[in-house]
Amino acid sequence: VRYAVDGANVVGIGTFTDHSTIFFYRGRELDDESGL
């Protein structure tokens, strides 16, 4: 699934067999001080 605002994708959720992922369509623009 993905979540959008005003037609623009923001985040998505996906999975593998042993872990899951939340992905950010504009992740490069995020301030990731946590290093996650």
PDB file of all heavy atoms in Angstrom:
ATOM      1  N   VAL A   1       0.842  -1.194   0.000  1.00  0.00           N
ATOM      2  CA  VAL A   1       0.000   0.000   0.000  1.00  0.00           C
ATOM      3  C   VAL A   1       0.880   1.248   0.000  1.00  0.00           C
ATOM      4  O   VAL A   1       2.018   1.214   0.463  1.00  0.00           O
ATOM      5  CB  VAL A   1      -0.939  -0.006   1.241  1.00  0.00           C
ATOM      6  CG1 VAL A   1      -0.159   0.046   2.534  1.00  0.00           C
ATOM      7  CG2 VAL A   1      -2.001   1.072   1.177  1.00  0.00           C
ATOM      8  N   ARG A   2       0.334   2.313  -0.550  1.00  0.00           N
ATOM      9  CA  ARG A   2       1.023   3.602  -0.480  1.00  0.00           C
ATOM     10  C   ARG A   2       0.012   4.646  -0.029  1.00  0.00           C
ATOM     11  O   ARG A   2      -1.200   4.474  -0.194  1.00  0.00           O
ATOM     12  CB  ARG A   2       1.662   3.968  -1.812  1.00  0.00           C
ATOM     13  CG  ARG A   2       0.694   4.214  -2.937  1.00  0.00           C
ATOM     14  CD  ARG A   2       1.472   4.435  -4.254  1.00  0.00           C
ATOM     15  NE  ARG A   2       0.582   4.760  -5.340  1.00  0.00           N
ATOM     16  CZ  ARG A   2       0.063   3.876  -6.191  1.00  0.00           C
ATOM     17  NH1 ARG A   2       0.348   2.590  -6.061  1.00  0.00           N
ATOM     18  NH2 ARG A   2      -0.731   4.262  -7.157  1.00  0.00           N
ATOM     19  N   TYR A   3       0.517   5.719   0.529  1.00  0.00           N
ATOM     20  CA  TYR A   3      -0.323   6.804   1.017  1.00  0.00           C
ATOM     21  C   TYR A   3       0.078   8.073   0.285  1.00  0.00           C
ATOM     22  O   TYR A   3       1.267   8.347   0.119  1.00  0.00           O
ATOM     23  CB  TYR A   3      -0.168   6.959   2.533  1.00  0.00           C
ATOM     24  CG  TYR A   3      -0.738   5.761   3.257  1.00  0.00           C
ATOM     25  CD1 TYR A   3       0.031   4.638   3.506  1.00  0.00           C
ATOM     26  CD2 TYR A   3      -2.070   5.744   3.641  1.00  0.00           C
ATOM     27  CE1 TYR A   3      -0.499   3.520   4.135  1.00  0.00           C
ATOM     28  CE2 TYR A   3      -2.610   4.632   4.273  1.00  0.00           C
ATOM     29  CZ  TYR A   3      -1.818   3.527   4.514  1.00  0.00           C
ATOM     30  OH  TYR A   3      -2.364   2.425   5.122  1.00  0.00           O
ATOM     31  N   ALA A   4      -0.932   8.813  -0.148  1.00  0.00           N
ATOM     32  CA  ALA A   4      -0.687   9.999  -0.963  1.00  0.00           C
ATOM     33  C   ALA A   4      -1.457  11.193  -0.404  1.00  0.00           C
ATOM     34  O   ALA A   4      -2.484  11.038   0.258  1.00  0.00           O
ATOM     35  CB  ALA A   4      -1.119   9.737  -2.409  1.00  0.00           C
ATOM     36  N   VAL A   5      -0.951  12.379  -0.718  1.00  0.00           N
ATOM     37  CA  VAL A   5      -1.599  13.640  -0.371  1.00  0.00           C
ATOM     38  C   VAL A   5      -1.679  14.452  -1.650  1.00  0.00           C
ATOM     39  O   VAL A   5      -0.666  14.646  -2.324  1.00  0.00           O
ATOM     40  CB  VAL A   5      -0.805  14.405   0.709  1.00  0.00           C
ATOM     41  CG1 VAL A   5      -1.383  15.791   0.933  1.00  0.00           C
ATOM     42  CG2 VAL A   5      -0.769  13.617   2.011  1.00  0.00           C
ATOM     43  N   ASP A   6      -2.872  14.887  -1.991  1.00  0.00           N
ATOM     44  CA  ASP A   6      -3.090  15.687  -3.211  1.00  0.00           C
ATOM     45  C   ASP A   6      -2.490  15.005  -4.443  1.00  0.00           C
ATOM     46  O   ASP A   6      -1.876  15.652  -5.291  1.00  0.00           O
ATOM     47  CB  ASP A   6      -2.523  17.094  -3.050  1.00  0.00           C
ATOM     48  CG  ASP A   6      -3.233  17.882  -1.962  1.00  0.00           C
ATOM     49  OD1 ASP A   6      -4.450  17.668  -1.766  1.00  0.00           O
ATOM     50  OD2 ASP A   6      -2.576  18.715  -1.303  1.00  0.00           O
ATOM     51  N   GLY A   7      -2.606  13.697  -4.503  1.00  0.00           N
ATOM     52  CA  GLY A   7      -2.132  12.933  -5.661  1.00  0.00           C
ATOM     53  C   GLY A   7      -0.653  12.607  -5.660  1.00  0.00           C
ATOM     54  O   GLY A   7      -0.172  11.906  -6.546  1.00  0.00           O
ATOM     55  N   ALA A   8       0.078  13.090  -4.666  1.00  0.00           N
ATOM     56  CA  ALA A   8       1.522  12.827  -4.598  1.00  0.00           C
ATOM     57  C   ALA A   8       1.802  11.720  -3.587  1.00  0.00           C
ATOM     58  O   ALA A   8       1.387  11.813  -2.426  1.00  0.00           O
ATOM     59  CB  ALA A   8       2.276  14.094  -4.201  1.00  0.00           C
ATOM     60  N   ASN A   9       2.507  10.677  -4.007  1.00  0.00           N
ATOM     61  CA  ASN A   9       2.869   9.589  -3.102  1.00  0.00           C
ATOM     62  C   ASN A   9       3.799  10.098  -2.008  1.00  0.00           C
ATOM     63  O   ASN A   9       4.734  10.859  -2.283  1.00  0.00           O
ATOM     64  CB  ASN A   9       3.566   8.473  -3.869  1.00  0.00           C
ATOM     65  CG  ASN A   9       2.638   7.785  -4.829  1.00  0.00           C
ATOM     66  OD1 ASN A   9       1.437   7.697  -4.604  1.00  0.00           O
ATOM     67  ND2 ASN A   9       3.179   7.281  -5.919  1.00  0.00           N
ATOM     68  N   VAL A  10       3.543   9.663  -0.775  1.00  0.00           N
ATOM     69  CA  VAL A  10       4.342  10.106   0.370  1.00  0.00           C
ATOM     70  C   VAL A  10       5.107   8.938   0.975  1.00  0.00           C
ATOM     71  O   VAL A  10       6.329   8.963   1.033  1.00  0.00           O
ATOM     72  CB  VAL A  10       3.453  10.781   1.443  1.00  0.00           C
ATOM     73  CG1 VAL A  10       4.309  11.259   2.606  1.00  0.00           C
ATOM     74  CG2 VAL A  10       2.657  11.931   0.850  1.00  0.00           C
ATOM     75  N   VAL A  11       4.388   7.925   1.449  1.00  0.00           N
ATOM     76  CA  VAL A  11       5.028   6.743   2.024  1.00  0.00           C
ATOM     77  C   VAL A  11       4.353   5.491   1.495  1.00  0.00           C
ATOM     78  O   VAL A  11       3.193   5.522   1.079  1.00  0.00           O
ATOM     79  CB  VAL A  11       4.995   6.725   3.572  1.00  0.00           C
ATOM     80  CG1 VAL A  11       5.705   7.920   4.167  1.00  0.00           C
ATOM     81  CG2 VAL A  11       3.595   6.611   4.110  1.00  0.00           C
ATOM     82  N   GLY A  12       5.083   4.395   1.547  1.00  0.00           N
ATOM     83  CA  GLY A  12       4.537   3.103   1.164  1.00  0.00           C
ATOM     84  C   GLY A  12       4.969   2.061   2.173  1.00  0.00           C
ATOM     85  O   GLY A  12       5.936   2.264   2.916  1.00  0.00           O
ATOM     86  N   ILE A  13       4.246   0.963   2.185  1.00  0.00           N
ATOM     87  CA  ILE A  13       4.568  -0.138   3.087  1.00  0.00           C
ATOM     88  C   ILE A  13       4.684  -1.401   2.247  1.00  0.00           C
ATOM     89  O   ILE A  13       3.825  -1.683   1.402  1.00  0.00           O
ATOM     90  CB  ILE A  13       3.484  -0.297   4.172  1.00  0.00           C
ATOM     91  CG1 ILE A  13       3.427   0.972   5.023  1.00  0.00           C
ATOM     92  CG2 ILE A  13       3.749  -1.540   5.031  1.00  0.00           C
ATOM     93  CD1 ILE A  13       2.244   1.061   5.949  1.00  0.00           C
ATOM     94  N   GLY A  14       5.746  -2.130   2.497  1.00  0.00           N
ATOM     95  CA  GLY A  14       5.969  -3.374   1.788  1.00  0.00           C
ATOM     96  C   GLY A  14       6.539  -4.406   2.739  1.00  0.00           C
ATOM     97  O   GLY A  14       6.882  -4.093   3.876  1.00  0.00           O
ATOM     98  N   THR A  15       6.643  -5.631   2.270  1.00  0.00           N
ATOM     99  CA  THR A  15       7.167  -6.689   3.129  1.00  0.00           C
ATOM    100  C   THR A  15       7.987  -7.698   2.348  1.00  0.00           C
ATOM    101  O   THR A  15       7.843  -7.842   1.138  1.00  0.00           O
ATOM    102  CB  THR A  15       6.015  -7.381   3.900  1.00  0.00           C
ATOM    103  OG1 THR A  15       6.565  -8.160   4.947  1.00  0.00           O
ATOM    104  CG2 THR A  15       5.153  -8.222   2.998  1.00  0.00           C
ATOM    105  N   PHE A  16       8.843  -8.339   3.071  1.00  0.00           N
ATOM    106  CA  PHE A  16       9.614  -9.484   2.615  1.00  0.00           C
ATOM    107  C   PHE A  16       9.159 -10.654   3.479  1.00  0.00           C
ATOM    108  O   PHE A  16       8.246 -10.505   4.284  1.00  0.00           O
ATOM    109  CB  PHE A  16      11.119  -9.222   2.798  1.00  0.00           C
ATOM    110  CG  PHE A  16      11.646  -8.099   1.948  1.00  0.00           C
ATOM    111  CD1 PHE A  16      11.535  -6.779   2.361  1.00  0.00           C
ATOM    112  CD2 PHE A  16      12.266  -8.359   0.731  1.00  0.00           C
ATOM    113  CE1 PHE A  16      12.024  -5.739   1.586  1.00  0.00           C
ATOM    114  CE2 PHE A  16      12.762  -7.325  -0.056  1.00  0.00           C
ATOM    115  CZ  PHE A  16      12.639  -6.016   0.367  1.00  0.00           C
ATOM    116  N   THR A  17       9.785 -11.788   3.381  1.00  0.00           N
ATOM    117  CA  THR A  17       9.347 -12.927   4.185  1.00  0.00           C
ATOM    118  C   THR A  17       9.741 -12.801   5.655  1.00  0.00           C
ATOM    119  O   THR A  17       9.074 -13.350   6.520  1.00  0.00           O
ATOM    120  CB  THR A  17       9.916 -14.249   3.634  1.00  0.00           C
ATOM    121  OG1 THR A  17      11.325 -14.130   3.545  1.00  0.00           O
ATOM    122  CG2 THR A  17       9.320 -14.569   2.276  1.00  0.00           C
ATOM    123  N   ASP A  18      10.817 -12.048   5.945  1.00  0.00           N
ATOM    124  CA  ASP A  18      11.274 -11.975   7.332  1.00  0.00           C
ATOM    125  C   ASP A  18      11.351 -10.574   7.924  1.00  0.00           C
ATOM    126  O   ASP A  18      11.749 -10.398   9.066  1.00  0.00           O
ATOM    127  CB  ASP A  18      12.630 -12.663   7.471  1.00  0.00           C
ATOM    128  CG  ASP A  18      13.711 -11.986   6.641  1.00  0.00           C
ATOM    129  OD1 ASP A  18      13.399 -11.100   5.827  1.00  0.00           O
ATOM    130  OD2 ASP A  18      14.889 -12.362   6.821  1.00  0.00           O
ATOM    131  N   HIS A  19      11.001  -9.560   7.174  1.00  0.00           N
ATOM    132  CA  HIS A  19      10.946  -8.190   7.686  1.00  0.00           C
ATOM    133  C   HIS A  19      10.064  -7.345   6.774  1.00  0.00           C
ATOM    134  O   HIS A  19       9.696  -7.773   5.688  1.00  0.00           O
ATOM    135  CB  HIS A  19      12.353  -7.583   7.803  1.00  0.00           C
ATOM    136  CG  HIS A  19      13.010  -7.320   6.479  1.00  0.00           C
ATOM    137  ND1 HIS A  19      13.651  -8.310   5.769  1.00  0.00           N
ATOM    138  CD2 HIS A  19      13.118  -6.192   5.737  1.00  0.00           C
ATOM    139  CE1 HIS A  19      14.141  -7.796   4.648  1.00  0.00           C
ATOM    140  NE2 HIS A  19      13.827  -6.509   4.608  1.00  0.00           N
ATOM    141  N   SER A  20       9.726  -6.169   7.263  1.00  0.00           N
ATOM    142  CA  SER A  20       8.895  -5.258   6.485  1.00  0.00           C
ATOM    143  C   SER A  20       9.649  -3.954   6.268  1.00  0.00           C
ATOM    144  O   SER A  20      10.716  -3.738   6.832  1.00  0.00           O
ATOM    145  CB  SER A  20       7.574  -5.005   7.208  1.00  0.00           C
ATOM    146  OG  SER A  20       6.874  -6.218   7.335  1.00  0.00           O
ATOM    147  N   THR A  21       9.046  -3.102   5.467  1.00  0.00           N
ATOM    148  CA  THR A  21       9.692  -1.853   5.097  1.00  0.00           C
ATOM    149  C   THR A  21       8.660  -0.739   5.004  1.00  0.00           C
ATOM    150  O   THR A  21       7.552  -0.947   4.514  1.00  0.00           O
ATOM    151  CB  THR A  21      10.386  -2.005   3.721  1.00  0.00           C
ATOM    152  OG1 THR A  21      11.318  -3.064   3.790  1.00  0.00           O
ATOM    153  CG2 THR A  21      11.080  -0.754   3.297  1.00  0.00           C
ATOM    154  N   ILE A  22       9.052   0.429   5.466  1.00  0.00           N
ATOM    155  CA  ILE A  22       8.276   1.629   5.158  1.00  0.00           C
ATOM    156  C   ILE A  22       9.197   2.465   4.275  1.00  0.00           C
ATOM    157  O   ILE A  22      10.379   2.651   4.589  1.00  0.00           O
ATOM    158  CB  ILE A  22       7.819   2.381   6.424  1.00  0.00           C
ATOM    159  CG1 ILE A  22       6.910   3.540   6.058  1.00  0.00           C
ATOM    160  CG2 ILE A  22       8.975   2.836   7.276  1.00  0.00           C
ATOM    161  CD1 ILE A  22       6.121   4.106   7.227  1.00  0.00           C
ATOM    162  N   PHE A  23       8.678   2.842   3.119  1.00  0.00           N
ATOM    163  CA  PHE A  23       9.532   3.587   2.202  1.00  0.00           C
ATOM    164  C   PHE A  23       8.951   4.967   1.945  1.00  0.00           C
ATOM    165  O   PHE A  23       7.748   5.177   1.992  1.00  0.00           O
ATOM    166  CB  PHE A  23       9.816   2.824   0.906  1.00  0.00           C
ATOM    167  CG  PHE A  23       8.616   2.238   0.209  1.00  0.00           C
ATOM    168  CD1 PHE A  23       8.007   2.907  -0.836  1.00  0.00           C
ATOM    169  CD2 PHE A  23       8.097   1.006   0.595  1.00  0.00           C
ATOM    170  CE1 PHE A  23       6.911   2.355  -1.491  1.00  0.00           C
ATOM    171  CE2 PHE A  23       7.011   0.446  -0.053  1.00  0.00           C
ATOM    172  CZ  PHE A  23       6.406   1.128  -1.092  1.00  0.00           C
ATOM    173  N   PHE A  24       9.840   5.891   1.718  1.00  0.00           N
ATOM    174  CA  PHE A  24       9.515   7.303   1.575  1.00  0.00           C
ATOM    175  C   PHE A  24       9.836   7.735   0.149  1.00  0.00           C
ATOM    176  O   PHE A  24      10.988   7.652  -0.272  1.00  0.00           O
ATOM    177  CB  PHE A  24      10.323   8.136   2.569  1.00  0.00           C
ATOM    178  CG  PHE A  24      10.088   7.751   4.002  1.00  0.00           C
ATOM    179  CD1 PHE A  24      10.810   6.725   4.590  1.00  0.00           C
ATOM    180  CD2 PHE A  24       9.134   8.411   4.749  1.00  0.00           C
ATOM    181  CE1 PHE A  24      10.589   6.358   5.905  1.00  0.00           C
ATOM    182  CE2 PHE A  24       8.894   8.060   6.068  1.00  0.00           C
ATOM    183  CZ  PHE A  24       9.623   7.025   6.652  1.00  0.00           C
ATOM    184  N   TYR A  25       8.831   8.202  -0.560  1.00  0.00           N
ATOM    185  CA  TYR A  25       9.014   8.571  -1.963  1.00  0.00           C
ATOM    186  C   TYR A  25       9.960   9.760  -2.123  1.00  0.00           C
ATOM    187  O   TYR A  25      10.664   9.862  -3.120  1.00  0.00           O
ATOM    188  CB  TYR A  25       7.663   8.854  -2.625  1.00  0.00           C
ATOM    189  CG  TYR A  25       6.878   7.586  -2.861  1.00  0.00           C
ATOM    190  CD1 TYR A  25       6.021   7.079  -1.897  1.00  0.00           C
ATOM    191  CD2 TYR A  25       7.024   6.873  -4.047  1.00  0.00           C
ATOM    192  CE1 TYR A  25       5.319   5.904  -2.107  1.00  0.00           C
ATOM    193  CE2 TYR A  25       6.329   5.694  -4.269  1.00  0.00           C
ATOM    194  CZ  TYR A  25       5.477   5.217  -3.295  1.00  0.00           C
ATOM    195  OH  TYR A  25       4.793   4.047  -3.506  1.00  0.00           O
ATOM    196  N   ARG A  26       9.952  10.664  -1.145  1.00  0.00           N
ATOM    197  CA  ARG A  26      10.855  11.815  -1.185  1.00  0.00           C
ATOM    198  C   ARG A  26      11.840  11.727  -0.017  1.00  0.00           C
ATOM    199  O   ARG A  26      12.171  12.720   0.621  1.00  0.00           O
ATOM    200  CB  ARG A  26      10.035  13.109  -1.143  1.00  0.00           C
ATOM    201  CG  ARG A  26       9.197  13.302  -2.406  1.00  0.00           C
ATOM    202  CD  ARG A  26       8.246  14.466  -2.320  1.00  0.00           C
ATOM    203  NE  ARG A  26       8.946  15.735  -2.205  1.00  0.00           N
ATOM    204  CZ  ARG A  26       8.313  16.914  -2.105  1.00  0.00           C
ATOM    205  NH1 ARG A  26       6.997  16.976  -2.137  1.00  0.00           N
ATOM    206  NH2 ARG A  26       9.007  18.024  -1.989  1.00  0.00           N
ATOM    207  N   GLY A  27      12.312  10.533   0.230  1.00  0.00           N
ATOM    208  CA  GLY A  27      13.179  10.279   1.373  1.00  0.00           C
ATOM    209  C   GLY A  27      14.477  11.050   1.372  1.00  0.00           C
ATOM    210  O   GLY A  27      15.017  11.372   2.430  1.00  0.00           O
ATOM    211  N   ARG A  28      14.986  11.352   0.212  1.00  0.00           N
ATOM    212  CA  ARG A  28      16.230  12.125   0.110  1.00  0.00           C
ATOM    213  C   ARG A  28      16.081  13.490   0.775  1.00  0.00           C
ATOM    214  O   ARG A  28      17.042  14.063   1.282  1.00  0.00           O
ATOM    215  CB  ARG A  28      16.625  12.286  -1.360  1.00  0.00           C
ATOM    216  CG  ARG A  28      17.917  13.038  -1.603  1.00  0.00           C
ATOM    217  CD  ARG A  28      18.232  13.143  -3.090  1.00  0.00           C
ATOM    218  NE  ARG A  28      17.149  13.655  -3.894  1.00  0.00           N
ATOM    219  CZ  ARG A  28      16.859  14.947  -4.089  1.00  0.00           C
ATOM    220  NH1 ARG A  28      17.590  15.865  -3.511  1.00  0.00           N
ATOM    221  NH2 ARG A  28      15.854  15.312  -4.842  1.00  0.00           N
ATOM    222  N   GLU A  29      14.849  14.004   0.813  1.00  0.00           N
ATOM    223  CA  GLU A  29      14.596  15.329   1.378  1.00  0.00           C
ATOM    224  C   GLU A  29      14.401  15.315   2.889  1.00  0.00           C
ATOM    225  O   GLU A  29      14.328  16.372   3.515  1.00  0.00           O
ATOM    226  CB  GLU A  29      13.351  15.938   0.725  1.00  0.00           C
ATOM    227  CG  GLU A  29      13.495  16.139  -0.767  1.00  0.00           C
ATOM    228  CD  GLU A  29      12.206  16.620  -1.410  1.00  0.00           C
ATOM    229  OE1 GLU A  29      11.580  17.555  -0.869  1.00  0.00           O
ATOM    230  OE2 GLU A  29      11.817  16.048  -2.448  1.00  0.00           O
ATOM    231  N   LEU A  30      14.316  14.141   3.485  1.00  0.00           N
ATOM    232  CA  LEU A  30      14.078  14.051   4.920  1.00  0.00           C
ATOM    233  C   LEU A  30      15.351  14.311   5.709  1.00  0.00           C
ATOM    234  O   LEU A  30      16.446  13.935   5.296  1.00  0.00           O
ATOM    235  CB  LEU A  30      13.524  12.676   5.281  1.00  0.00           C
ATOM    236  CG  LEU A  30      12.179  12.312   4.669  1.00  0.00           C
ATOM    237  CD1 LEU A  30      11.820  10.876   5.010  1.00  0.00           C
ATOM    238  CD2 LEU A  30      11.092  13.260   5.142  1.00  0.00           C
ATOM    239  N   ASP A  31      15.193  14.940   6.865  1.00  0.00           N
ATOM    240  CA  ASP A  31      16.307  15.170   7.779  1.00  0.00           C
ATOM    241  C   ASP A  31      16.398  13.957   8.691  1.00  0.00           C
ATOM    242  O   ASP A  31      15.637  13.823   9.640  1.00  0.00           O
ATOM    243  CB  ASP A  31      16.052  16.445   8.589  1.00  0.00           C
ATOM    244  CG  ASP A  31      17.147  16.737   9.572  1.00  0.00           C
ATOM    245  OD1 ASP A  31      18.263  16.194   9.419  1.00  0.00           O
ATOM    246  OD2 ASP A  31      16.900  17.502  10.516  1.00  0.00           O
ATOM    247  N   ASP A  32      17.323  13.072   8.380  1.00  0.00           N
ATOM    248  CA  ASP A  32      17.443  11.801   9.092  1.00  0.00           C
ATOM    249  C   ASP A  32      18.587  11.845  10.097  1.00  0.00           C
ATOM    250  O   ASP A  32      19.605  11.184   9.939  1.00  0.00           O
ATOM    251  CB  ASP A  32      17.643  10.656   8.100  1.00  0.00           C
ATOM    252  CG  ASP A  32      17.766   9.309   8.773  1.00  0.00           C
ATOM    253  OD1 ASP A  32      17.221   9.145   9.888  1.00  0.00           O
ATOM    254  OD2 ASP A  32      18.412   8.428   8.196  1.00  0.00           O
ATOM    255  N   GLU A  33      18.404  12.596  11.154  1.00  0.00           N
ATOM    256  CA  GLU A  33      19.444  12.693  12.180  1.00  0.00           C
ATOM    257  C   GLU A  33      19.637  11.371  12.929  1.00  0.00           C
ATOM    258  O   GLU A  33      20.650  11.158  13.566  1.00  0.00           O
ATOM    259  CB  GLU A  33      19.119  13.819  13.158  1.00  0.00           C
ATOM    260  CG  GLU A  33      17.799  13.633  13.876  1.00  0.00           C
ATOM    261  CD  GLU A  33      17.301  14.880  14.577  1.00  0.00           C
ATOM    262  OE1 GLU A  33      17.418  15.976  14.008  1.00  0.00           O
ATOM    263  OE2 GLU A  33      16.785  14.734  15.692  1.00  0.00           O
ATOM    264  N   SER A  34      18.672  10.476  12.833  1.00  0.00           N
ATOM    265  CA  SER A  34      18.744   9.185  13.522  1.00  0.00           C
ATOM    266  C   SER A  34      19.538   8.135  12.746  1.00  0.00           C
ATOM    267  O   SER A  34      19.929   7.117  13.311  1.00  0.00           O
ATOM    268  CB  SER A  34      17.337   8.653  13.760  1.00  0.00           C
ATOM    269  OG  SER A  34      16.685   8.452  12.507  1.00  0.00           O
ATOM    270  N   GLY A  35      19.741   8.348  11.449  1.00  0.00           N
ATOM    271  CA  GLY A  35      20.458   7.397  10.622  1.00  0.00           C
ATOM    272  C   GLY A  35      19.667   6.147  10.275  1.00  0.00           C
ATOM    273  O   GLY A  35      20.234   5.127   9.916  1.00  0.00           O
ATOM    274  N   LEU A  36      18.344   6.223  10.358  1.00  0.00           N
ATOM    275  CA  LEU A  36      17.493   5.068  10.070  1.00  0.00           C
ATOM    276  C   LEU A  36      17.267   4.818   8.584  1.00  0.00           C
ATOM    277  O   LEU A  36      17.012   3.690   8.183  1.00  0.00           O
ATOM    278  CB  LEU A  36      16.117   5.241  10.737  1.00  0.00           C
ATOM    279  CG  LEU A  36      16.065   5.117  12.242  1.00  0.00           C
ATOM    280  CD1 LEU A  36      14.664   5.449  12.744  1.00  0.00           C
ATOM    281  CD2 LEU A  36      16.456   3.722  12.668  1.00  0.00           C
TER     282      LEU A  36
END
